[in-house]
Amino acid sequence: MSSGNSGKGYDVTSSGTNSQGNHYCSRDYSSSGSQPANDNSYHYSNSNGSYYYSNPNGSTYYNNGNGGSNYNPPNSK
């Protein structure tokens, strides 16, 4: 069951908090018609302040919560 996120362009298909206290959610961008369905779209928000995004275009972004970050563009290896 998805929960709507009106205006955000995606539906959250699952979310929760793991045993380490890190929040995660899986996102479906196909409901807005702006992106094809992508099972690898998700985001983590960690208890140490870091966070990670896996985007529907294949790009990823990580921020360590201390000013450091890493972005991998689509189709990078």
Protein backbone atom coordinates (compact mmCIF):
# COMPACT_ATOMS: atom_id res chain seq x y z
CA MET A 1 0.00 0.00 0.00
CA SER A 2 1.45 3.33 -0.96
CA SER A 3 1.04 6.57 0.88
CA GLY A 4 0.63 9.69 -1.22
CA ASN A 5 3.04 12.59 -1.12
CA SER A 6 1.05 15.20 -2.95
CA GLY A 7 3.29 17.60 -4.82
CA LYS A 8 6.47 15.60 -4.23
CA GLY A 9 6.25 13.49 -7.39
CA TYR A 10 6.48 10.09 -5.70
CA ASP A 11 4.68 7.64 -3.46
CA VAL A 12 6.36 6.05 -0.45
CA THR A 13 5.93 2.31 -0.92
CA SER A 14 7.53 1.26 2.38
CA SER A 15 9.26 2.95 5.27
CA GLY A 16 10.45 2.25 8.77
CA THR A 17 13.33 2.30 11.19
CA ASN A 18 15.88 -0.49 11.37
CA SER A 19 17.51 -1.93 14.49
CA GLN A 20 20.32 0.66 14.34
CA GLY A 21 17.81 3.51 14.50
CA ASN A 22 18.19 4.45 10.84
CA HIS A 23 15.11 5.59 8.92
CA TYR A 24 14.52 4.33 5.40
CA CYS A 25 11.85 4.70 2.77
CA SER A 26 11.35 3.21 -0.67
CA ARG A 27 9.92 5.54 -3.28
CA ASP A 28 7.90 4.98 -6.44
CA TYR A 29 8.24 7.91 -8.85
CA SER A 30 6.12 6.32 -11.59
CA SER A 31 2.83 7.44 -10.00
CA SER A 32 3.52 11.03 -11.02
CA GLY A 33 4.22 10.06 -14.61
CA SER A 34 7.56 11.85 -14.41
CA GLN A 35 9.72 8.74 -14.11
CA PRO A 36 9.44 5.05 -14.95
CA ALA A 37 9.00 2.61 -12.08
CA ASN A 38 12.32 1.97 -10.36
CA ASP A 39 12.63 -0.50 -7.51
CA ASN A 40 16.00 0.98 -6.55
CA SER A 41 14.67 4.38 -5.50
CA TYR A 42 15.06 4.77 -1.77
CA HIS A 43 16.57 6.93 0.90
CA TYR A 44 18.22 6.35 4.26
CA SER A 45 18.45 8.90 7.01
CA ASN A 46 20.91 7.61 9.60
CA SER A 47 21.07 8.23 13.34
CA ASN A 48 24.59 9.69 12.98
CA GLY A 49 23.30 12.49 10.74
CA SER A 50 24.37 10.94 7.44
CA TYR A 51 21.95 10.21 4.63
CA TYR A 52 21.87 8.39 1.32
CA TYR A 53 19.66 8.67 -1.76
CA SER A 54 19.31 6.23 -4.63
CA ASN A 55 17.41 8.10 -7.35
CA PRO A 56 15.15 6.84 -10.14
CA ASN A 57 17.63 7.92 -12.83
CA GLY A 58 20.32 5.66 -11.34
CA SER A 59 22.29 8.41 -9.60
CA THR A 60 23.22 8.17 -5.93
CA TYR A 61 24.06 10.77 -3.31
CA TYR A 62 25.66 10.28 0.11
CA ASN A 63 26.25 12.91 2.78
CA ASN A 64 28.21 11.88 5.86
CA GLY A 65 26.59 14.51 8.09
CA ASN A 66 29.91 16.27 8.67
CA GLY A 67 30.22 18.27 5.47
CA GLY A 68 31.48 15.47 3.25
CA SER A 69 29.40 14.18 0.37
CA ASN A 70 29.63 11.99 -2.70
CA TYR A 71 27.47 12.10 -5.83
CA ASN A 72 27.51 9.41 -8.52
CA PRO A 73 25.78 10.48 -11.74
CA PRO A 74 23.48 8.15 -13.68
CA ASN A 75 25.17 5.15 -15.32
CA SER A 76 28.46 5.65 -13.47
CA LYS A 77 30.36 2.61 -12.31
